[in-house]
Amino acid sequence: MSFKLFLSTLLVGLFFVSCNPSEKQIGEMLKKNPKLITEAIKENPSEFIEALNEAVKSAQGDQRKKAEEAQKKQLEESFNNPLKPEIREDDVIRGKKGAPITLVEYSDFECPYCSRGYQTVQKLLEKYEGKIQFVYKHLPLSFHPNAMPAAQYYEAIRLQSKEKAGKFHDELFENFSDIKKGEKFFRSVAKKLNVDMKKLEKDVDSDVVKKRIQEDLDEAKKFGFQGTPGFLINGIPVKGAYPPEHFDGIIEELKKRGKLKL
């Protein structure tokens, strides 16, 4: 018996029970006669695999449509009710402070996708120069052992100089492969930037620094960011290392809706 013939026979048999067989009825029939399907599969494995692949593709298509619909709905809600991150007075702000475009990133120094996100941010800062401000926030993931120490070094350096903290951020992402070296690499970058090393060693494990990072973690969690990188562009969430064009699209939509003037 071919697999397609088996399915036809199964459905014909069920029509004698009901003109509209339920999933329960099909399940009960297969429980009583499990050999029906196993024998059909053994005799026609290629047809079974073909039918299974078609079913998987169909299911994936349905899931994709549902995901797209959910994403559109969430995006629409974000445009109507944008998220509001805290921009602190002592945050390291790249670009023009108070600019109409605010880009906030929740990032992990050891995340390869964040390395790609860094490139995107650089391009956006260049393209929208004078119209954008960028704030880097921390979301070090537990399975990246050097992410938290890197965040602590960044914050400890920020206590000395915002400019040097920004340069530290850039050095790490531009030499991403060296981050695996951990604190040895972080110290070498700090020395290169002429950071006060005695103060750095004192501040890096301080409660002030740890509290700062925890504030970022709490905010990221509140906004639903679990992976990295996560962005907010004028309060619209972007989850993942999307290319600059994705952000351009959001900016254009904000302009179209009258929520952004450049």
Protein backbone atom coordinates (compact mmCIF):
# COMPACT_ATOMS: atom_id res chain seq x y z
CA MET A 1 0.00 0.00 0.00
CA SER A 2 1.41 3.40 -0.98
CA PHE A 3 1.54 6.15 1.63
CA LYS A 4 -0.93 8.30 -0.29
CA LEU A 5 -3.26 5.33 -0.74
CA PHE A 6 -2.97 4.62 2.96
CA LEU A 7 -4.04 8.16 3.81
CA SER A 8 -6.97 7.90 1.40
CA THR A 9 -8.07 4.58 2.90
CA LEU A 10 -7.75 5.98 6.40
CA LEU A 11 -9.92 8.98 5.62
CA VAL A 12 -12.51 6.90 3.74
CA GLY A 13 -12.78 4.59 6.74
CA LEU A 14 -13.31 7.53 9.03
CA PHE A 15 -16.07 8.93 6.88
CA PHE A 16 -18.14 5.89 7.83
CA VAL A 17 -17.87 7.10 11.42
CA SER A 18 -18.36 10.78 10.73
CA CYS A 19 -18.68 13.07 7.72
CA ASN A 20 -16.09 15.30 9.39
CA PRO A 21 -13.52 13.12 11.20
CA SER A 22 -11.91 14.78 14.19
CA GLU A 23 -8.25 14.62 15.25
CA LYS A 24 -9.37 12.49 18.18
CA GLN A 25 -10.98 9.94 15.88
CA ILE A 26 -7.91 9.74 13.69
CA GLY A 27 -5.72 9.30 16.75
CA GLU A 28 -7.92 6.54 18.15
CA MET A 29 -7.86 4.66 14.87
CA LEU A 30 -4.06 4.81 14.66
CA LYS A 31 -3.74 3.67 18.28
CA LYS A 32 -5.86 0.61 17.52
CA ASN A 33 -4.03 -0.13 14.26
CA PRO A 34 -0.47 1.26 14.54
CA LYS A 35 0.80 -1.25 11.97
CA LEU A 36 -1.18 0.53 9.26
CA ILE A 37 1.12 3.51 9.25
CA THR A 38 4.39 1.70 10.02
CA GLU A 39 3.83 -0.80 7.18
CA ALA A 40 2.96 1.99 4.77
CA ILE A 41 6.14 3.85 5.74
CA LYS A 42 8.33 0.76 5.36
CA GLU A 43 6.92 -0.03 1.91
CA ASN A 44 7.11 3.59 0.69
CA PRO A 45 9.77 5.50 2.68
CA SER A 46 10.47 8.05 -0.06
CA GLU A 47 6.79 9.01 -0.34
CA PHE A 48 6.58 9.28 3.44
CA ILE A 49 9.62 11.57 3.59
CA GLU A 50 8.22 13.69 0.76
CA ALA A 51 4.88 14.04 2.56
CA LEU A 52 6.64 14.79 5.84
CA ASN A 53 8.83 17.44 4.21
CA GLU A 54 5.76 19.06 2.68
CA ALA A 55 4.06 19.08 6.08
CA VAL A 56 7.17 20.61 7.71
CA LYS A 57 7.39 23.31 5.03
CA SER A 58 3.73 24.10 5.48
CA ALA A 59 4.11 24.29 9.26
CA GLN A 60 7.20 26.49 8.92
CA GLY A 61 5.31 28.77 6.56
CA ASP A 62 2.45 29.08 9.02
CA GLN A 63 4.86 29.80 11.87
CA ARG A 64 6.67 32.40 9.77
CA LYS A 65 3.40 34.15 8.95
CA LYS A 66 2.36 34.15 12.60
CA ALA A 67 5.77 35.49 13.64
CA GLU A 68 5.60 38.24 11.02
CA GLU A 69 2.09 39.21 12.10
CA ALA A 70 3.15 39.29 15.76
CA GLN A 71 6.21 41.37 14.87
CA LYS A 72 4.10 43.86 12.88
CA LYS A 73 1.66 44.14 15.76
CA GLN A 74 4.48 44.69 18.25
CA LEU A 75 6.10 47.28 15.97
CA GLU A 76 2.84 49.16 15.63
CA GLU A 77 2.43 49.19 19.41
CA SER A 78 5.99 50.52 19.72
CA PHE A 79 5.28 53.41 17.37
CA ASN A 80 2.19 54.30 19.41
CA ASN A 81 3.87 53.75 22.79
CA PRO A 82 7.66 53.99 22.43
CA LEU A 83 9.85 52.70 25.24
CA LYS A 84 11.61 55.29 27.38
CA PRO A 85 15.17 54.43 28.42
CA GLU A 86 16.89 56.49 31.07
CA ILE A 87 19.54 58.79 29.60
CA ARG A 88 21.73 59.77 32.56
CA GLU A 89 23.65 63.01 32.80
CA ASP A 90 26.91 61.13 33.16
CA ASP A 91 26.28 58.67 30.30
CA VAL A 92 28.84 58.53 27.51
CA ILE A 93 26.97 60.12 24.64
CA ARG A 94 28.39 59.75 21.14
CA GLY A 95 27.21 62.08 18.41
CA LYS A 96 25.27 65.22 19.26
CA LYS A 97 23.79 65.37 22.74
CA GLY A 98 20.07 66.09 22.62
CA ALA A 99 19.81 65.21 18.90
CA PRO A 100 16.37 64.23 17.48
CA ILE A 101 17.46 60.62 16.90
CA THR A 102 18.33 58.69 20.06
CA LEU A 103 19.96 55.29 19.58
CA VAL A 104 20.46 53.16 22.72
CA GLU A 105 22.23 49.81 22.57
CA TYR A 106 22.16 47.01 25.16
CA SER A 107 25.32 45.11 24.37
CA ASP A 108 27.89 42.51 25.35
CA PHE A 109 31.56 43.17 24.54
CA GLU A 110 32.20 39.47 23.89
CA CYS A 111 29.18 38.88 21.63
CA PRO A 112 30.11 38.41 17.94
CA TYR A 113 26.76 39.84 16.86
CA CYS A 114 27.48 42.93 18.95
CA SER A 115 30.68 43.30 16.96
CA ARG A 116 28.50 43.51 13.84
CA GLY A 117 26.18 45.87 15.71
CA TYR A 118 29.17 48.12 16.38
CA GLN A 119 29.78 48.47 12.65
CA THR A 120 26.13 49.38 12.13
CA VAL A 121 26.26 52.02 14.86
CA GLN A 122 29.36 53.57 13.31
CA LYS A 123 27.62 53.85 9.95
CA LEU A 124 24.51 55.39 11.51
CA LEU A 125 26.60 57.93 13.43
CA GLU A 126 28.28 58.90 10.18
CA LYS A 127 25.11 59.01 8.08
CA TYR A 128 23.08 61.03 10.59
CA GLU A 129 25.91 63.18 11.88
CA GLY A 130 24.57 66.11 13.90
CA LYS A 131 21.13 64.48 14.10
CA ILE A 132 21.82 61.43 16.28
CA GLN A 133 23.00 60.66 19.81
CA PHE A 134 24.17 57.18 20.80
CA VAL A 135 24.28 55.65 24.28
CA TYR A 136 25.95 52.31 25.03
CA LYS A 137 24.43 50.22 27.83
CA HIS A 138 25.44 46.87 29.23
CA LEU A 139 23.86 43.45 28.82
CA PRO A 140 26.76 41.05 29.52
CA LEU A 141 25.56 37.47 29.03
CA SER A 142 26.50 34.82 31.59
CA PHE A 143 28.05 32.44 29.03
CA HIS A 144 30.56 35.08 27.89
CA PRO A 145 33.20 35.03 30.67
CA ASN A 146 34.94 38.23 29.59
CA ALA A 147 31.79 40.30 29.01
CA MET A 148 31.23 41.39 32.62
CA PRO A 149 34.90 42.28 33.28
CA ALA A 150 34.93 44.32 30.05
CA ALA A 151 31.80 46.17 31.16
CA GLN A 152 33.39 46.88 34.55
CA TYR A 153 36.55 48.25 32.91
CA TYR A 154 34.43 50.47 30.67
CA GLU A 155 32.51 51.89 33.63
CA ALA A 156 35.63 52.31 35.75
CA ILE A 157 37.29 54.25 32.91
CA ARG A 158 34.12 56.34 32.46
CA LEU A 159 34.53 57.54 36.06
CA GLN A 160 37.80 59.12 34.92
CA SER A 161 36.93 60.23 31.39
CA LYS A 162 33.90 59.81 29.13
CA GLU A 163 36.10 60.33 26.10
CA LYS A 164 38.50 57.56 27.15
CA ALA A 165 35.59 55.24 27.92
CA GLY A 166 34.30 55.80 24.39
CA LYS A 167 37.74 55.03 22.97
CA PHE A 168 37.97 51.91 25.15
CA HIS A 169 34.61 50.77 23.72
CA ASP A 170 35.89 51.26 20.16
CA GLU A 171 39.25 49.57 20.80
CA LEU A 172 37.53 46.44 22.12
CA PHE A 173 35.18 46.06 19.18
CA GLU A 174 37.84 46.94 16.62
CA ASN A 175 40.12 44.26 18.13
CA PHE A 176 37.33 41.82 18.88
CA SER A 177 39.47 38.67 18.64
CA ASP A 178 41.64 39.91 21.54
CA ILE A 179 38.74 40.10 24.00
CA LYS A 180 39.24 36.40 24.77
CA LYS A 181 42.51 37.43 26.47
CA GLY A 182 40.41 39.03 29.18
CA GLU A 183 41.75 41.50 31.73
CA LYS A 184 45.27 41.37 30.35
CA PHE A 185 43.94 42.90 27.14
CA PHE A 186 41.65 45.35 28.94
CA ARG A 187 44.56 46.67 31.02
CA SER A 188 46.74 47.06 27.93
CA VAL A 189 44.02 49.14 26.23
CA ALA A 190 43.60 51.25 29.38
CA LYS A 191 47.36 51.93 29.51
CA LYS A 192 47.31 52.87 25.82
CA LEU A 193 44.63 55.45 26.66
CA ASN A 194 46.75 56.86 29.53
CA VAL A 195 44.17 55.90 32.14
CA ASP A 196 45.13 56.31 35.82
CA MET A 197 45.79 52.62 36.49
CA LYS A 198 45.79 52.87 40.30
CA LYS A 199 42.36 54.48 40.30
CA LEU A 200 41.17 52.00 37.66
CA GLU A 201 42.20 49.01 39.79
CA LYS A 202 40.36 50.53 42.74
CA ASP A 203 37.17 51.33 40.80
CA VAL A 204 36.83 48.27 38.57
CA ASP A 205 35.36 46.07 41.34
CA SER A 206 33.62 48.89 43.19
CA ASP A 207 29.95 48.88 44.18
CA VAL A 208 29.47 52.04 42.11
CA VAL A 209 30.53 50.27 38.93
CA LYS A 210 28.57 47.09 39.68
CA LYS A 211 25.44 49.09 40.51
CA ARG A 212 25.72 50.96 37.22
CA ILE A 213 25.89 47.75 35.19
CA GLN A 214 23.00 46.24 37.16
CA GLU A 215 20.86 49.28 36.32
CA ASP A 216 21.45 48.59 32.62
CA LEU A 217 20.66 44.90 33.07
CA ASP A 218 17.42 45.71 34.87
CA GLU A 219 16.36 48.17 32.17
CA ALA A 220 17.16 45.69 29.40
CA LYS A 221 15.08 43.04 31.15
CA LYS A 222 12.19 45.48 31.62
CA PHE A 223 12.20 46.15 27.88
CA GLY A 224 12.27 42.45 26.99
CA PHE A 225 15.88 42.23 25.78
CA GLN A 226 17.31 38.80 26.56
CA GLY A 227 19.89 38.42 23.80
CA THR A 228 22.39 40.84 22.34
CA PRO A 229 22.55 43.23 20.71
CA GLY A 230 19.30 45.00 21.49
CA PHE A 231 18.58 48.54 20.34
CA LEU A 232 16.08 51.29 20.93
CA ILE A 233 15.81 53.92 18.23
CA ASN A 234 13.58 56.69 19.54
CA GLY A 235 11.99 54.04 21.74
CA ILE A 236 11.36 51.51 18.93
CA PRO A 237 12.97 48.15 19.84
CA VAL A 238 15.26 46.33 17.42
CA LYS A 239 16.32 42.88 18.60
CA GLY A 240 19.40 41.68 16.77
CA ALA A 241 22.30 42.83 14.61
CA TYR A 242 20.25 44.28 11.75
CA PRO A 243 21.98 46.27 8.98
CA PRO A 244 21.81 50.10 8.87
CA GLU A 245 19.00 49.93 6.29
CA HIS A 246 16.68 48.45 8.90
CA PHE A 247 17.21 51.48 11.13
CA ASP A 248 16.81 53.78 8.11
CA GLY A 249 13.38 52.25 7.56
CA ILE A 250 12.32 52.96 11.14
CA ILE A 251 13.60 56.53 10.91
CA GLU A 252 11.62 57.07 7.68
CA GLU A 253 8.49 55.65 9.29
CA LEU A 254 8.91 57.94 12.29
CA LYS A 255 9.23 60.90 9.92
CA LYS A 256 6.17 59.76 7.96
CA ARG A 257 4.11 59.58 11.13
CA GLY A 258 5.24 63.04 12.19
CA LYS A 259 7.12 61.67 15.22
CA LEU A 260 10.55 62.79 14.00
CA LYS A 261 11.74 65.96 12.27
CA LEU A 262 15.23 66.11 10.84
